[in-house]
Protein backbone atom coordinates (compact mmCIF):
# COMPACT_ATOMS: atom_id res chain seq x y z
CA MET A 1 47.09 25.81 -1.49
CA SER A 2 43.93 23.51 -1.83
CA HIS A 3 40.84 24.85 -0.15
CA ILE A 4 38.76 21.41 -1.06
CA GLN A 5 38.38 19.42 1.74
CA SER A 6 38.56 15.47 1.84
CA ARG A 7 37.38 12.80 4.05
CA PRO A 8 38.68 9.30 4.31
CA GLY A 9 38.48 7.07 1.37
CA ASP A 10 37.58 10.15 -0.77
CA ALA A 11 40.73 9.97 -2.75
CA GLU A 12 39.26 13.59 -4.98
CA GLY A 13 38.48 15.35 -2.03
CA ASN A 14 35.35 17.06 -1.24
CA ARG A 15 33.62 18.44 -4.32
CA PHE A 16 30.56 20.52 -2.43
CA PHE A 17 30.03 23.66 -2.45
CA ILE A 18 27.99 23.28 0.95
CA PRO A 19 30.10 20.58 2.56
CA ALA A 20 27.70 20.72 5.56
CA LEU A 21 25.34 19.15 3.24
CA GLN A 22 27.81 16.02 2.55
CA PRO A 23 25.79 13.95 5.64
CA VAL A 24 22.29 14.28 3.89
CA TYR A 25 23.87 13.12 0.48
CA ASP A 26 25.42 10.18 2.18
CA ALA A 27 21.90 9.64 4.18
CA LEU A 28 19.97 9.97 1.03
CA LEU A 29 22.20 7.84 -1.26
CA PRO A 30 20.69 4.30 -0.04
CA VAL A 31 17.15 5.39 -0.09
CA SER A 32 17.55 7.07 -3.77
CA GLU A 33 18.92 3.77 -4.74
CA THR A 34 16.36 1.67 -3.12
CA LEU A 35 13.35 4.04 -4.40
CA LEU A 36 14.99 3.67 -8.19
CA ARG A 37 15.32 -0.21 -7.61
CA VAL A 38 11.88 -0.44 -6.50
CA ILE A 39 10.57 1.90 -8.96
CA ALA A 40 11.58 0.13 -11.61
CA GLY A 41 10.82 -3.56 -10.39
CA PHE A 42 7.60 -2.37 -9.88
CA ALA A 43 7.16 -0.92 -13.61
CA LEU A 44 9.17 -3.75 -15.10
CA ALA A 45 6.30 -6.43 -13.29
CA VAL A 46 3.49 -4.37 -14.05
CA HIS A 47 4.54 -3.97 -17.89
CA GLY A 48 5.40 -8.15 -17.69
CA TRP A 49 1.88 -8.97 -16.22
CA PRO A 50 -0.14 -9.13 -19.17
CA LYS A 51 2.75 -10.79 -21.05
CA ILE A 52 2.84 -13.68 -18.43
CA GLN A 53 -0.55 -14.42 -18.24
CA ASN A 54 -0.41 -15.44 -21.89
CA PRO A 55 3.31 -15.26 -22.82
CA MET A 56 2.59 -17.51 -26.27
CA GLY A 57 0.43 -14.24 -27.33
CA LEU A 58 4.14 -12.95 -27.94
CA THR A 59 5.18 -15.41 -30.48
CA GLY A 60 4.15 -13.25 -33.47
CA MET A 61 5.81 -10.60 -32.37
CA VAL A 62 9.19 -12.02 -31.25
CA GLU A 63 8.98 -13.89 -34.53
CA SER A 64 8.49 -10.39 -36.12
CA ILE A 65 11.73 -9.31 -35.40
CA GLY A 66 13.88 -12.41 -35.75
CA PHE A 67 13.94 -14.24 -33.04
CA ALA A 68 13.23 -17.78 -33.41
CA PRO A 69 12.05 -20.32 -31.71
CA SER A 70 9.51 -18.04 -30.90
CA TRP A 71 7.61 -19.92 -28.33
CA PHE A 72 10.82 -19.71 -26.41
CA TRP A 73 11.47 -16.22 -26.77
CA ALA A 74 8.14 -15.08 -26.12
CA PHE A 75 8.32 -16.93 -22.86
CA ALA A 76 11.59 -15.59 -21.94
CA LEU A 77 10.37 -12.00 -22.61
CA ALA A 78 7.20 -12.44 -20.27
CA LEU A 79 9.54 -14.13 -17.70
CA THR A 80 12.34 -11.81 -17.66
CA GLU A 81 9.49 -8.67 -17.38
CA PHE A 82 7.56 -10.34 -14.84
CA VAL A 83 9.94 -12.48 -12.50
CA GLY A 84 12.73 -10.10 -13.26
CA GLY A 85 10.53 -7.20 -12.23
CA ILE A 86 9.59 -8.93 -8.81
CA LEU A 87 13.49 -9.75 -8.19
CA LEU A 88 14.83 -6.21 -9.09
CA LEU A 89 11.79 -4.64 -7.11
CA LEU A 90 12.98 -6.69 -4.10
CA GLY A 91 16.36 -6.66 -4.76
CA LEU A 92 17.08 -10.56 -4.74
CA PHE A 93 19.48 -11.77 -7.43
CA THR A 94 19.53 -8.13 -8.38
CA ARG A 95 22.26 -8.00 -11.27
CA PRO A 96 21.14 -11.11 -13.04
CA ALA A 97 17.62 -9.56 -12.93
CA ALA A 98 19.06 -6.38 -14.30
CA ALA A 99 21.30 -7.65 -16.66
CA ALA A 100 18.42 -9.51 -18.25
CA ALA A 101 16.21 -6.57 -18.19
CA THR A 102 18.71 -4.38 -19.84
CA VAL A 103 18.76 -6.78 -22.58
CA VAL A 104 15.38 -7.03 -23.18
CA LEU A 105 15.06 -2.94 -22.86
CA LEU A 106 18.14 -2.71 -25.52
CA VAL A 107 16.27 -5.01 -27.95
CA THR A 108 13.30 -2.94 -27.33
CA VAL A 109 15.46 0.16 -28.50
CA TRP A 110 16.40 -1.54 -31.58
CA PHE A 111 13.03 -2.48 -32.32
CA HIS A 112 11.55 1.01 -31.83
CA TRP A 113 14.90 2.96 -33.51
CA VAL A 114 15.43 0.71 -36.32
CA LEU A 115 12.63 -1.62 -37.15
CA ARG A 116 9.87 0.58 -36.92
CA GLY A 117 11.97 3.45 -37.58
CA GLU A 118 10.71 5.72 -35.13
CA GLY A 119 14.62 6.78 -34.03
CA TYR A 120 15.39 8.27 -30.90
CA SER A 121 11.75 9.44 -30.00
CA GLY A 122 10.25 6.12 -30.20
CA ALA A 123 13.30 4.19 -28.08
CA GLU A 124 13.76 7.30 -25.65
CA LEU A 125 11.76 5.52 -22.59
CA SER A 126 13.58 2.26 -23.43
CA LEU A 127 16.64 3.86 -23.47
CA ILE A 128 16.14 6.18 -20.16
CA TRP A 129 14.83 2.41 -18.25
CA ALA A 130 17.77 0.35 -20.17
CA GLY A 131 20.31 3.01 -18.08
CA VAL A 132 18.24 2.72 -14.95
CA THR A 133 18.35 -1.15 -15.39
CA PHE A 134 22.15 -1.06 -15.89
CA PHE A 135 22.86 0.93 -12.83
CA PHE A 136 22.03 -2.35 -11.01
CA VAL A 137 23.66 -4.54 -12.88
CA ALA A 138 26.91 -2.38 -11.86
CA ARG A 139 25.69 -1.48 -8.29
CA GLY A 140 24.00 -4.65 -7.32
CA GLY A 141 20.48 -4.22 -4.98
CA GLY A 142 22.28 -1.57 -2.30
CA ARG A 143 21.96 -1.66 1.24
CA TYR A 144 18.26 -2.30 1.56
CA SER A 145 17.71 -5.46 -0.70
CA LEU A 146 17.17 -9.03 0.49
CA ASP A 147 20.84 -9.59 -1.41
CA ARG A 148 22.45 -7.62 0.90
CA ALA A 149 20.22 -9.00 3.84
CA PHE A 150 21.22 -12.58 3.04
CA GLY A 151 24.94 -11.60 2.56
CA ARG A 152 25.29 -12.78 -0.95
CA GLU A 153 25.09 -11.29 -4.14
CA PHE A 154 26.49 -12.18 -7.73
């Protein structure tokens, strides 16, 4: 006989030690997703702000890691970080913005870990942020996003 309670739509049953906390967790989920999305978008936009002011200043760096034509990739990097960060913050076109950011972040993992030889310690933050942005690729903008307000998502 199982003592696990289930709720409608929960095929695995209730696994909480304190089932009375379920409503608290249910209420916090959309707020926590929104907070994570807003922080991630803000961080990307702030990080991209200097790049968007002078995207061609990145050509040497992107060329040094093998991306050609460097003018294209420098502009794409600046646009992805700054505009993509704003889109993520707002929850607008969340999945494509998060997907682009995830790719950029995975390139930075490769750059720090492999090219600069810094290993995990050099790539750690990029790995964490790539995990965060990938979450929004899979999940979308969430309840409190412009995507949801417009009723359309990718």
